[in-house]
Amino acid sequence: MSSQLLDVPHKHPSSIWSFADNALTLLRETVLTAGYVPLTTLAEKAVTSVLRNITIGHLRIITSERVYEFPARGTEAGEDVEPRAELRVLNDAFWVRLCTMGDLGFAEAYMFGDVACEDLISTFRVFLKNKENMTSLNSTVSWLFSLPQRLTSYRFLNSLGNARSNISAHYDLSDDMFKAFLSEDMTYSCAIFSDLDGDLRETPLFGLNGHEIRQLLTSSSPSESTSAYSDTPASHTPSTRPTPPLADTLAAAQQRKLAHIVSRARILPGHRVLEIGSGWGSLALHIVRHVAGVQVDTITLSDNQCAHVRAEVARCGFEDRVRVHLLDYREMPREWDGSFDRVVSVEMVEAVGLENVEVYWTAIDRVLKKNGAGVIQGITIPEARFAEYSKQMDFIQKWVSKAFAISSLFPGGALPTITLLVNSLARATSGRLVVDSISNIGPHYARTLREWRRRFEDNFAEIERALRKDHPDAFDSERGAQRARDELAVFRRKWLFFLSVAEDWFLRSWRDRQIIYHIITFTREGNEEMGCDVFE
């Protein structure tokens, strides 16, 4: 599979940059996996000398020849302290990767099976608790090793030509794969839970009685005084998707989040709504089910998502109220100018690229009516970390193109700061749009990701079947069954690492604000429809 591109509808074109990236990756992997003993020995000594600076928690590393303990046995910080983690080195390339590429090297070592770890979250916690003592792991050497990838990554900038390929690389992998770990409505964004860490307690708090679950599902609906929102589908709805089981807390939490978006945007009966970034249609369908007379236009660059949403809209009988467009937000037709009462966009702003944030706001401003308003929901990074972040090449940004082993996660994406978003809103719209409110729901993403990770692991057999069905050429028997299994294992570990590291980011979001998840409500100045319901 390593030479077989995933058969997504839109691939990045071949270019001198892609050739250079492939050549550099091949050269680096050849050096890293050569097993040159003097090099691996030197790297092991360098890494373990840095790890001796661990003073908080406990890390055990097991190799074929020895067992390392950090801190060493007999020191003041011992095995009984938290957090505790254990790594098992399966290939000495682990030491070289960690020595030469720091954080990214550890991610790749896990992905390629050079190291085994049963609890990634605890491992991240050990490293992060001791971050100040281990800065040399991300040294000048690691910066130099990652420099070629940073240079060649510019080919994934979100130009009009690249944007569809960037989206296709992730969202067009396989609808059935995403169905295996998302909630039934296939909402692929942060949920809002009534009990943030309820899944970590021994006694579940959900599914105990129907009345409590109904309250859970409707507790974040807009206030009844607006008469805009109903917690049951409108009477004229021809059909709806079956109600998820009461015990499915992820589905309930996603419905609560969708209701919250409707509430913050104050979508009223008869409004025309634009959604930028359709996903698999959960928000558009939620809006027309719960707010009478609303018309929704939803745009996406994913062929798979466009086809899925159109099919769901037809199945539910909403063709007269929901229109699905395969369209870039920068190419919205001129007849849409000033046509929409509301704009909603969930986890889209991270995908537009930092170079296009003002273009994004300009497009929203162009299509909104004079009393228009909207909501965007997205991941942001603190201002103090932005300069460092913008210079780095991390695991999620790097793994682009080729086969399952290195298929894209989010090519072209980048996290803005909240200051960047607010300032760019003001500049791009010349003050015609103003911020109405900003809230942070970051800690809820930790549990959302935890739920996805558990389902991904539990349902991986379904995911494998989906990939085999949608990408049969990647499992060509002529390439060898064992090779296919090996690359599928790399694909699995890559996704588990992604879900785990993102969960850890958001676990810490309420403690140290290293990554944040904001909901921004914006409006035209003087828009009396928005009101001031601060407790919604």
Protein backbone atom coordinates (compact mmCIF):
# COMPACT_ATOMS: atom_id res chain seq x y z
CA MET A 1 0.00 0.00 0.00
CA SER A 2 2.89 2.39 0.56
CA SER A 3 3.11 3.23 -3.13
CA GLN A 4 -0.66 3.28 -3.71
CA LEU A 5 -2.42 6.59 -3.27
CA LEU A 6 -5.76 6.35 -1.52
CA ASP A 7 -8.47 6.59 -4.13
CA VAL A 8 -10.02 9.85 -2.94
CA PRO A 9 -11.84 12.03 -5.48
CA HIS A 10 -9.24 14.81 -5.46
CA LYS A 11 -5.51 14.25 -5.00
CA HIS A 12 -2.70 16.77 -4.71
CA PRO A 13 -1.04 17.16 -8.11
CA SER A 14 2.49 15.99 -8.70
CA SER A 15 5.04 18.75 -8.55
CA ILE A 16 8.68 19.39 -7.84
CA TRP A 17 7.67 19.98 -4.20
CA SER A 18 5.91 16.63 -3.91
CA PHE A 19 8.86 14.90 -5.57
CA ALA A 20 11.28 16.61 -3.16
CA ASP A 21 9.12 15.68 -0.16
CA ASN A 22 8.89 12.04 -1.20
CA ALA A 23 12.62 11.86 -1.85
CA LEU A 24 13.51 13.46 1.47
CA THR A 25 11.10 11.21 3.36
CA LEU A 26 12.55 8.10 1.69
CA LEU A 27 16.11 9.20 2.46
CA ARG A 28 15.31 9.99 6.08
CA GLU A 29 13.46 6.71 6.62
CA THR A 30 16.34 4.77 5.06
CA VAL A 31 18.78 6.39 7.49
CA LEU A 32 16.49 5.96 10.51
CA THR A 33 15.68 2.31 9.90
CA ALA A 34 19.15 1.19 8.81
CA GLY A 35 19.95 0.06 12.34
CA TYR A 36 23.48 1.46 12.25
CA VAL A 37 24.65 0.44 15.73
CA PRO A 38 26.98 3.36 16.51
CA LEU A 39 24.23 5.80 15.55
CA THR A 40 21.48 4.10 17.57
CA THR A 41 23.82 3.72 20.58
CA LEU A 42 24.73 7.40 20.48
CA ALA A 43 21.08 8.38 20.13
CA GLU A 44 20.07 6.13 23.05
CA LYS A 45 22.70 7.70 25.29
CA ALA A 46 21.64 11.21 24.28
CA VAL A 47 17.94 10.55 24.91
CA THR A 48 18.39 8.79 28.25
CA SER A 49 20.68 11.56 29.49
CA VAL A 50 17.82 14.03 28.89
CA LEU A 51 15.20 11.72 30.43
CA ARG A 52 17.23 11.61 33.65
CA ASN A 53 15.90 15.13 34.21
CA ILE A 54 12.43 13.71 34.90
CA THR A 55 11.44 14.69 38.43
CA ILE A 56 7.64 14.46 38.27
CA GLY A 57 5.90 11.13 37.77
CA HIS A 58 7.60 7.95 36.62
CA LEU A 59 8.64 6.58 33.21
CA ARG A 60 9.84 3.03 32.58
CA ILE A 61 11.42 2.14 29.23
CA ILE A 62 11.97 -1.55 28.49
CA THR A 63 14.44 -2.58 25.77
CA SER A 64 15.72 -6.01 24.74
CA GLU A 65 18.82 -5.50 26.90
CA ARG A 66 17.88 -3.31 29.84
CA VAL A 67 15.15 -1.50 31.72
CA TYR A 68 15.40 2.24 32.31
CA GLU A 69 13.64 3.93 35.23
CA PHE A 70 13.15 7.71 35.28
CA PRO A 71 13.63 8.89 37.98
CA ALA A 72 15.94 6.06 39.01
CA ARG A 73 14.86 3.73 41.81
CA GLY A 74 15.68 5.01 45.25
CA THR A 75 15.22 8.67 44.36
CA GLU A 76 12.73 10.87 46.16
CA ALA A 77 10.23 10.60 43.29
CA GLY A 78 9.41 6.92 42.95
CA GLU A 79 7.14 4.48 41.17
CA ASP A 80 4.10 5.28 43.27
CA VAL A 81 3.74 8.86 42.05
CA GLU A 82 1.47 9.98 39.24
CA PRO A 83 1.57 10.05 36.30
CA ARG A 84 3.19 6.70 35.50
CA ALA A 85 3.95 5.40 32.02
CA GLU A 86 5.74 2.49 30.40
CA LEU A 87 7.28 2.19 26.94
CA ARG A 88 8.56 -0.97 25.25
CA VAL A 89 11.19 -0.33 22.57
CA LEU A 90 10.70 -2.70 19.64
CA ASN A 91 13.14 -1.12 17.21
CA ASP A 92 16.23 0.95 17.95
CA ALA A 93 15.05 3.47 15.35
CA PHE A 94 12.96 4.78 18.26
CA TRP A 95 16.04 6.34 19.83
CA VAL A 96 17.15 7.97 16.58
CA ARG A 97 13.70 9.39 15.89
CA LEU A 98 13.35 10.80 19.40
CA CYS A 99 16.87 12.22 19.35
CA THR A 100 16.59 13.87 15.95
CA MET A 101 12.93 14.97 15.86
CA GLY A 102 11.74 15.27 19.46
CA ASP A 103 7.92 15.24 19.80
CA LEU A 104 7.38 14.47 16.13
CA GLY A 105 9.93 11.65 16.37
CA PHE A 106 8.03 10.02 19.23
CA ALA A 107 4.79 10.24 17.22
CA GLU A 108 6.39 8.60 14.21
CA ALA A 109 8.05 5.92 16.34
CA TYR A 110 4.65 4.96 17.75
CA MET A 111 2.98 5.11 14.35
CA PHE A 112 5.59 2.87 12.68
CA GLY A 113 5.68 0.40 15.58
CA ASP A 114 9.19 1.22 16.84
CA VAL A 115 7.76 1.59 20.36
CA ALA A 116 4.71 0.12 22.11
CA CYS A 117 2.69 1.99 24.69
CA GLU A 118 -0.54 0.90 26.34
CA ASP A 119 -1.41 4.32 27.77
CA LEU A 120 -0.45 7.23 25.55
CA ILE A 121 -2.25 9.79 27.71
CA SER A 122 -0.13 8.95 30.78
CA THR A 123 3.02 9.10 28.64
CA PHE A 124 2.09 12.55 27.36
CA ARG A 125 1.46 13.67 30.93
CA VAL A 126 4.92 12.53 32.06
CA PHE A 127 6.61 14.40 29.22
CA LEU A 128 4.51 17.52 29.71
CA LYS A 129 4.94 17.62 33.48
CA ASN A 130 8.69 17.62 32.90
CA LYS A 131 8.70 19.75 29.77
CA GLU A 132 10.90 22.51 31.17
CA ASN A 133 13.57 19.96 32.10
CA MET A 134 13.63 18.29 28.68
CA THR A 135 13.74 21.16 26.21
CA SER A 136 16.88 19.68 24.62
CA LEU A 137 14.76 16.87 23.13
CA ASN A 138 13.44 19.52 20.72
CA SER A 139 16.87 20.79 19.87
CA THR A 140 18.56 22.41 16.88
CA VAL A 141 19.11 18.90 15.49
CA SER A 142 15.37 18.13 15.55
CA TRP A 143 14.65 21.52 14.01
CA LEU A 144 17.03 20.79 11.14
CA PHE A 145 15.59 17.30 10.56
CA SER A 146 12.05 18.70 10.27
CA LEU A 147 13.05 21.70 8.14
CA PRO A 148 12.59 19.91 4.76
CA GLN A 149 9.03 18.94 5.67
CA ARG A 150 8.23 22.52 6.70
CA LEU A 151 9.55 23.82 3.40
CA THR A 152 7.72 21.31 1.21
CA SER A 153 4.48 21.70 3.20
CA TYR A 154 3.86 25.02 1.47
CA ARG A 155 2.42 23.07 -1.46
CA PHE A 156 -0.64 22.39 0.72
CA LEU A 157 -1.58 26.06 1.21
CA ASN A 158 -5.33 26.51 0.80
CA SER A 159 -5.38 28.05 -2.65
CA LEU A 160 -8.52 27.52 -4.71
CA GLY A 161 -6.64 24.78 -6.54
CA ASN A 162 -5.49 22.98 -3.39
CA ALA A 163 -8.47 23.38 -1.08
CA ARG A 164 -10.56 20.54 -2.51
CA SER A 165 -7.57 18.17 -2.42
CA ASN A 166 -6.84 19.12 1.19
CA ILE A 167 -10.43 18.40 2.24
CA SER A 168 -10.69 15.23 0.15
CA ALA A 169 -7.54 13.78 1.71
CA HIS A 170 -9.25 13.48 5.10
CA TYR A 171 -13.03 13.60 4.72
CA ASP A 172 -13.27 11.42 1.61
CA LEU A 173 -11.37 8.45 3.07
CA SER A 174 -14.54 6.43 3.73
CA ASP A 175 -17.96 7.40 5.07
CA ASP A 176 -18.33 3.95 6.62
CA MET A 177 -15.03 4.39 8.45
CA PHE A 178 -16.30 7.58 10.12
CA LYS A 179 -19.65 5.92 10.89
CA ALA A 180 -17.77 3.31 12.92
CA PHE A 181 -16.61 5.80 15.57
CA LEU A 182 -18.84 8.88 15.37
CA SER A 183 -22.28 9.20 16.94
CA GLU A 184 -25.24 8.11 14.84
CA ASP A 185 -25.81 11.59 13.38
CA MET A 186 -22.12 11.66 12.31
CA THR A 187 -21.34 14.98 13.98
CA TYR A 188 -17.56 15.36 13.67
CA SER A 189 -16.91 18.18 16.15
CA CYS A 190 -16.87 18.88 19.87
CA ALA A 191 -19.96 17.78 21.79
CA ILE A 192 -21.28 19.42 24.98
CA PHE A 193 -21.81 17.03 27.90
CA SER A 194 -23.93 17.76 30.94
CA ASP A 195 -21.49 15.71 33.04
CA LEU A 196 -18.01 16.49 31.76
CA ASP A 197 -16.14 13.44 33.10
CA GLY A 198 -19.07 11.14 33.78
CA ASP A 199 -17.54 8.38 31.66
CA LEU A 200 -14.55 8.18 34.02
CA ARG A 201 -16.69 7.34 37.03
CA GLU A 202 -17.59 3.78 37.98
CA THR A 203 -21.34 4.52 38.12
CA PRO A 204 -22.77 5.88 34.86
CA LEU A 205 -24.95 8.93 35.19
CA PHE A 206 -26.86 8.46 31.93
CA GLY A 207 -29.54 6.06 30.79
CA LEU A 208 -31.02 5.72 34.28
CA ASN A 209 -34.49 6.98 33.42
CA GLY A 210 -36.17 8.45 30.38
CA HIS A 211 -37.22 11.71 32.04
CA GLU A 212 -33.63 12.56 33.00
CA ILE A 213 -32.41 11.74 29.50
CA ARG A 214 -35.10 13.93 27.94
CA GLN A 215 -34.01 16.79 30.17
CA LEU A 216 -30.43 16.12 29.11
CA LEU A 217 -31.37 16.34 25.43
CA THR A 218 -33.32 19.59 25.75
CA SER A 219 -31.50 21.43 28.51
CA SER A 220 -29.49 23.60 26.11
CA SER A 221 -32.33 24.51 23.76
CA PRO A 222 -33.04 28.20 23.17
CA SER A 223 -35.42 29.76 25.66
CA GLU A 224 -39.11 29.14 25.09
CA SER A 225 -39.74 32.87 25.00
CA THR A 226 -38.27 33.10 21.48
CA SER A 227 -40.78 30.53 20.13
CA ALA A 228 -38.09 29.72 17.57
CA TYR A 229 -37.01 26.29 18.65
CA SER A 230 -38.85 23.06 19.36
CA ASP A 231 -37.39 20.01 21.06
CA THR A 232 -39.51 17.81 18.80
CA PRO A 233 -39.54 17.80 15.00
CA ALA A 234 -42.04 20.08 13.27
CA SER A 235 -45.37 18.44 12.47
CA HIS A 236 -44.80 18.71 8.73
CA THR A 237 -41.55 16.75 8.85
CA PRO A 238 -42.04 13.77 6.49
CA SER A 239 -39.50 11.51 8.20
CA THR A 240 -36.62 11.63 10.61
CA ARG A 241 -33.67 9.46 11.50
CA PRO A 242 -34.41 6.98 14.32
CA THR A 243 -33.83 8.46 17.76
CA PRO A 244 -30.49 7.25 19.18
CA PRO A 245 -30.57 4.92 22.18
CA LEU A 246 -31.01 6.70 25.50
CA ALA A 247 -27.72 5.32 26.77
CA ASP A 248 -25.75 6.87 23.88
CA THR A 249 -24.38 9.82 25.78
CA LEU A 250 -22.24 10.96 22.84
CA ALA A 251 -25.31 11.27 20.62
CA ALA A 252 -27.14 13.21 23.36
CA ALA A 253 -24.13 15.50 23.85
CA GLN A 254 -23.89 16.18 20.11
CA GLN A 255 -27.58 17.07 19.98
CA ARG A 256 -27.01 19.45 22.90
CA LYS A 257 -24.15 21.11 21.00
CA LEU A 258 -26.26 21.50 17.85
CA ALA A 259 -29.04 23.05 19.93
CA HIS A 260 -26.50 25.41 21.48
CA ILE A 261 -25.33 26.60 18.06
CA VAL A 262 -28.94 27.27 17.03
CA SER A 263 -29.47 29.15 20.30
CA ARG A 264 -26.33 31.29 20.04
CA ALA A 265 -27.07 32.19 16.42
CA ARG A 266 -30.71 32.91 17.37
CA ILE A 267 -32.04 31.22 14.27
CA LEU A 268 -35.71 32.21 14.01
CA PRO A 269 -38.65 30.85 11.99
CA GLY A 270 -38.45 31.83 8.33
CA HIS A 271 -34.73 32.63 8.39
CA ARG A 272 -32.44 31.70 5.52
CA VAL A 273 -29.26 30.13 6.88
CA LEU A 274 -25.88 29.51 5.25
CA GLU A 275 -23.70 26.73 6.65
CA ILE A 276 -20.03 26.83 5.63
CA GLY A 277 -18.71 23.30 6.01
CA SER A 278 -21.52 20.74 5.77
CA GLY A 279 -19.91 17.83 7.58
CA TRP A 280 -22.28 14.89 7.21
CA GLY A 281 -25.31 17.13 7.53
CA SER A 282 -26.18 16.91 11.21
CA LEU A 283 -26.43 20.67 11.83
CA ALA A 284 -28.40 21.49 8.68
CA LEU A 285 -30.88 18.70 9.41
CA HIS A 286 -31.10 19.70 13.08
CA ILE A 287 -31.98 23.27 12.12
CA VAL A 288 -34.80 22.38 9.72
CA ARG A 289 -36.21 19.76 12.10
CA HIS A 290 -36.43 22.17 15.02
CA VAL A 291 -37.04 25.65 13.59
CA ALA A 292 -40.15 26.10 11.46
CA GLY A 293 -39.87 27.48 7.95
CA VAL A 294 -36.07 27.84 7.89
CA GLN A 295 -34.24 27.43 4.56
CA VAL A 296 -30.63 26.16 4.68
CA ASP A 297 -27.90 26.33 2.05
CA THR A 298 -24.90 24.23 3.08
CA ILE A 299 -21.56 24.16 1.24
CA THR A 300 -18.73 21.65 1.30
CA LEU A 301 -15.64 20.68 -0.70
CA SER A 302 -15.93 16.98 0.14
CA ASP A 303 -17.48 14.85 -2.60
CA ASN A 304 -18.35 12.10 -0.11
CA GLN A 305 -19.98 14.47 2.36
CA CYS A 306 -21.90 16.26 -0.38
CA ALA A 307 -23.35 12.97 -1.66
CA HIS A 308 -24.12 11.78 1.88
CA VAL A 309 -25.92 14.98 2.90
CA ARG A 310 -27.94 15.07 -0.31
CA ALA A 311 -29.02 11.47 0.28
CA GLU A 312 -29.97 12.20 3.92
CA VAL A 313 -31.90 15.32 2.94
CA ALA A 314 -33.83 13.32 0.34
CA ARG A 315 -34.42 10.43 2.74
CA CYS A 316 -35.83 12.79 5.37
CA GLY A 317 -37.94 14.67 2.84
CA PHE A 318 -36.27 18.06 3.20
CA GLU A 319 -35.33 18.75 -0.44
CA ASP A 320 -37.54 21.86 -0.40
CA ARG A 321 -35.69 23.30 2.62
CA VAL A 322 -32.04 22.17 2.40
CA ARG A 323 -29.81 22.75 -0.62
CA VAL A 324 -26.36 21.14 -0.66
CA HIS A 325 -23.61 22.72 -2.77
CA LEU A 326 -20.16 21.39 -3.70
CA LEU A 327 -18.63 24.83 -3.45
CA ASP A 328 -15.69 26.80 -2.04
CA TYR A 329 -16.74 29.66 0.26
CA ARG A 330 -14.59 31.97 -1.87
CA GLU A 331 -16.69 31.18 -4.94
CA MET A 332 -20.18 31.71 -3.57
CA PRO A 333 -22.41 33.16 -6.34
CA ARG A 334 -23.04 36.90 -6.45
CA GLU A 335 -26.79 36.34 -6.24
CA TRP A 336 -26.20 35.25 -2.63
CA ASP A 337 -24.95 38.72 -1.67
CA GLY A 338 -26.98 40.03 1.27
CA SER A 339 -29.31 37.01 1.15
CA PHE A 340 -28.75 35.22 4.46
CA ASP A 341 -30.11 36.01 7.89
CA ARG A 342 -27.61 33.74 9.62
CA VAL A 343 -24.26 32.07 8.89
CA VAL A 344 -23.03 29.07 10.90
CA SER A 345 -19.69 27.38 10.51
CA VAL A 346 -18.47 24.61 12.81
CA GLU A 347 -14.77 23.62 12.84
CA MET A 348 -14.19 25.22 9.47
CA VAL A 349 -12.00 28.17 10.41
CA GLU A 350 -9.06 25.84 11.23
CA ALA A 351 -9.17 24.51 7.67
CA VAL A 352 -9.09 27.81 5.77
CA GLY A 353 -5.40 28.48 6.49
CA LEU A 354 -4.03 31.50 8.32
CA GLU A 355 -3.48 33.27 5.03
CA ASN A 356 -7.21 33.13 4.27
CA VAL A 357 -8.85 34.11 7.57
CA GLU A 358 -9.71 37.64 6.40
CA VAL A 359 -10.98 36.24 3.08
CA TYR A 360 -13.25 33.93 5.10
CA TRP A 361 -14.72 36.84 7.08
CA THR A 362 -15.11 38.91 3.92
CA ALA A 363 -17.12 36.12 2.31
CA ILE A 364 -19.39 35.89 5.37
CA ASP A 365 -19.87 39.66 5.43
CA ARG A 366 -20.78 39.67 1.72
CA VAL A 367 -23.67 37.21 2.01
CA LEU A 368 -25.18 38.42 5.30
CA LYS A 369 -28.23 40.69 5.38
CA LYS A 370 -28.10 44.09 7.07
CA ASN A 371 -29.45 42.59 10.32
CA GLY A 372 -27.53 39.33 9.91
CA ALA A 373 -25.60 37.39 12.53
CA GLY A 374 -23.81 34.10 12.91
CA VAL A 375 -21.73 31.66 14.89
CA ILE A 376 -18.40 30.00 14.21
CA GLN A 377 -17.00 27.22 16.37
CA GLY A 378 -13.33 26.30 16.18
CA ILE A 379 -10.06 25.32 17.81
CA THR A 380 -7.70 28.14 18.72
CA ILE A 381 -4.24 28.42 20.21
CA PRO A 382 -3.18 30.88 22.94
CA GLU A 383 -1.45 34.04 21.79
CA ALA A 384 1.67 33.26 23.85
CA ARG A 385 2.19 29.99 21.95
CA PHE A 386 1.31 31.20 18.46
CA ALA A 387 4.77 32.33 17.34
CA GLU A 388 6.31 28.99 18.31
CA TYR A 389 3.40 26.98 16.89
CA SER A 390 3.48 28.75 13.52
CA LYS A 391 7.13 27.74 13.05
CA GLN A 392 6.66 24.08 13.94
CA MET A 393 5.77 21.03 11.89
CA ASP A 394 3.68 18.77 14.10
CA PHE A 395 2.33 15.25 13.63
CA ILE A 396 -1.09 16.34 12.36
CA GLN A 397 0.31 18.84 9.85
CA LYS A 398 3.01 16.55 8.47
CA TRP A 399 1.44 13.28 7.40
CA VAL A 400 0.14 14.04 3.95
CA SER A 401 -0.26 12.00 0.71
CA LYS A 402 0.76 8.44 -0.14
CA ALA A 403 -1.02 5.45 1.32
CA PHE A 404 -2.60 4.39 4.59
CA ALA A 405 0.66 4.73 6.48
CA ILE A 406 0.98 8.38 5.67
CA SER A 407 -2.41 9.47 4.42
CA SER A 408 -3.43 12.94 5.40
CA LEU A 409 -4.88 14.02 8.68
CA PHE A 410 -5.54 17.73 8.07
CA PRO A 411 -3.38 19.10 5.23
CA GLY A 412 -3.46 22.87 4.87
CA GLY A 413 -4.96 23.40 8.31
CA ALA A 414 -3.65 25.74 11.00
CA LEU A 415 -4.95 26.99 14.34
CA PRO A 416 -5.57 30.72 14.72
CA THR A 417 -5.60 32.67 17.98
CA ILE A 418 -8.79 34.26 19.24
CA THR A 419 -7.10 37.67 18.87
CA LEU A 420 -6.32 36.92 15.23
CA LEU A 421 -9.95 35.94 14.60
CA VAL A 422 -11.42 39.02 16.29
CA ASN A 423 -8.97 41.47 14.71
CA SER A 424 -9.33 39.93 11.25
CA LEU A 425 -13.13 40.13 11.60
CA ALA A 426 -12.89 43.85 12.25
CA ARG A 427 -10.42 44.48 9.41
CA ALA A 428 -12.12 42.30 6.81
CA THR A 429 -15.58 43.77 7.41
CA SER A 430 -14.48 47.35 8.17
CA GLY A 431 -16.40 47.07 11.43
CA ARG A 432 -19.67 46.00 9.79
CA LEU A 433 -19.58 42.84 11.92
CA VAL A 434 -18.95 42.95 15.66
CA VAL A 435 -18.35 40.20 18.22
CA ASP A 436 -21.42 39.52 20.34
CA SER A 437 -20.02 36.80 22.63
CA ILE A 438 -17.16 34.33 23.02
CA SER A 439 -17.22 31.13 25.06
CA ASN A 440 -14.78 28.26 25.61
CA ILE A 441 -15.97 24.63 25.60
CA GLY A 442 -12.51 23.08 25.22
CA PRO A 443 -12.73 20.61 28.14
CA HIS A 444 -15.75 19.00 26.47
CA TYR A 445 -13.57 18.07 23.51
CA ALA A 446 -11.44 15.82 25.72
CA ARG A 447 -14.41 13.59 26.44
CA THR A 448 -15.62 13.76 22.82
CA LEU A 449 -12.22 12.55 21.62
CA ARG A 450 -12.14 9.89 24.33
CA GLU A 451 -15.49 8.59 23.11
CA TRP A 452 -14.26 8.55 19.51
CA ARG A 453 -11.02 6.78 20.47
CA ARG A 454 -12.85 4.06 22.37
CA ARG A 455 -15.21 3.47 19.46
CA PHE A 456 -12.33 3.52 16.97
CA GLU A 457 -10.57 0.77 18.91
CA ASP A 458 -13.71 -1.27 19.62
CA ASN A 459 -14.95 -1.04 16.03
CA PHE A 460 -11.69 -1.31 14.12
CA ALA A 461 -12.87 -4.49 12.39
CA GLU A 462 -15.67 -2.38 10.85
CA ILE A 463 -13.15 0.29 9.89
CA GLU A 464 -10.96 -2.28 8.17
CA ARG A 465 -13.95 -3.62 6.22
CA ALA A 466 -14.86 -0.07 5.18
CA LEU A 467 -11.33 0.67 3.95
CA ARG A 468 -11.13 -2.61 2.06
CA LYS A 469 -14.48 -1.87 0.40
CA ASP A 470 -13.70 1.74 -0.52
CA HIS A 471 -10.02 1.27 -1.42
CA PRO A 472 -9.66 -2.25 -2.86
CA ASP A 473 -6.54 -1.39 -4.86
CA ALA A 474 -4.66 -0.54 -1.65
CA PHE A 475 -5.19 -4.13 -0.51
CA ASP A 476 -4.06 -5.66 -3.80
CA SER A 477 -3.14 -9.26 -3.01
CA GLU A 478 -0.23 -9.09 -5.44
CA ARG A 479 1.51 -6.78 -2.99
CA GLY A 480 1.29 -9.39 -0.28
CA ALA A 481 -1.21 -9.92 2.50
CA GLN A 482 1.37 -9.35 5.23
CA ARG A 483 2.41 -6.00 3.80
CA ALA A 484 -1.22 -4.93 3.69
CA ARG A 485 -1.70 -5.95 7.34
CA ASP A 486 1.46 -4.09 8.36
CA GLU A 487 0.35 -0.87 6.69
CA LEU A 488 -3.15 -1.19 8.11
CA ALA A 489 -1.58 -1.47 11.57
CA VAL A 490 0.33 1.76 10.89
CA PHE A 491 -2.91 3.44 9.83
CA ARG A 492 -4.58 2.28 13.05
CA ARG A 493 -1.75 3.54 15.27
CA LYS A 494 -1.64 6.86 13.44
CA TRP A 495 -5.31 7.50 14.16
CA LEU A 496 -5.03 6.32 17.75
CA PHE A 497 -2.11 8.69 18.27
CA PHE A 498 -4.04 11.56 16.70
CA LEU A 499 -7.12 10.95 18.87
CA SER A 500 -5.00 10.47 22.01
CA VAL A 501 -2.79 13.52 21.58
CA ALA A 502 -5.82 15.69 20.79
CA GLU A 503 -7.60 14.34 23.88
CA ASP A 504 -4.59 15.23 25.99
CA TRP A 505 -4.48 18.75 24.55
CA PHE A 506 -8.06 19.37 25.58
CA LEU A 507 -7.70 17.63 28.94
CA ARG A 508 -5.24 20.40 29.72
CA SER A 509 -7.27 23.15 28.07
CA TRP A 510 -8.99 24.14 31.32
CA ARG A 511 -5.74 23.96 33.31
CA ASP A 512 -3.01 25.63 31.28
CA ARG A 513 -4.91 26.85 28.17
CA GLN A 514 -2.39 25.31 25.76
CA ILE A 515 -5.21 24.81 23.28
CA ILE A 516 -8.71 26.27 23.42
CA TYR A 517 -12.06 25.68 21.72
CA HIS A 518 -14.07 28.82 21.13
CA ILE A 519 -17.61 29.57 20.03
CA ILE A 520 -17.81 33.09 18.60
CA THR A 521 -21.14 34.80 18.02
CA PHE A 522 -21.02 37.85 15.73
CA THR A 523 -23.66 40.24 14.43
CA ARG A 524 -24.31 43.48 12.62
CA GLU A 525 -24.12 46.48 14.90
CA GLY A 526 -27.54 47.38 16.27
CA ASN A 527 -29.14 44.01 15.52
CA GLU A 528 -32.00 43.94 18.03
CA GLU A 529 -32.91 40.32 17.15
CA MET A 530 -29.88 38.99 19.02
CA GLY A 531 -31.10 40.01 22.49
CA CYS A 532 -28.98 39.27 25.56
CA ASP A 533 -29.77 35.81 26.93
CA VAL A 534 -26.54 35.28 28.83
CA PHE A 535 -27.60 31.96 30.40
CA GLU A 536 -28.32 30.09 27.17
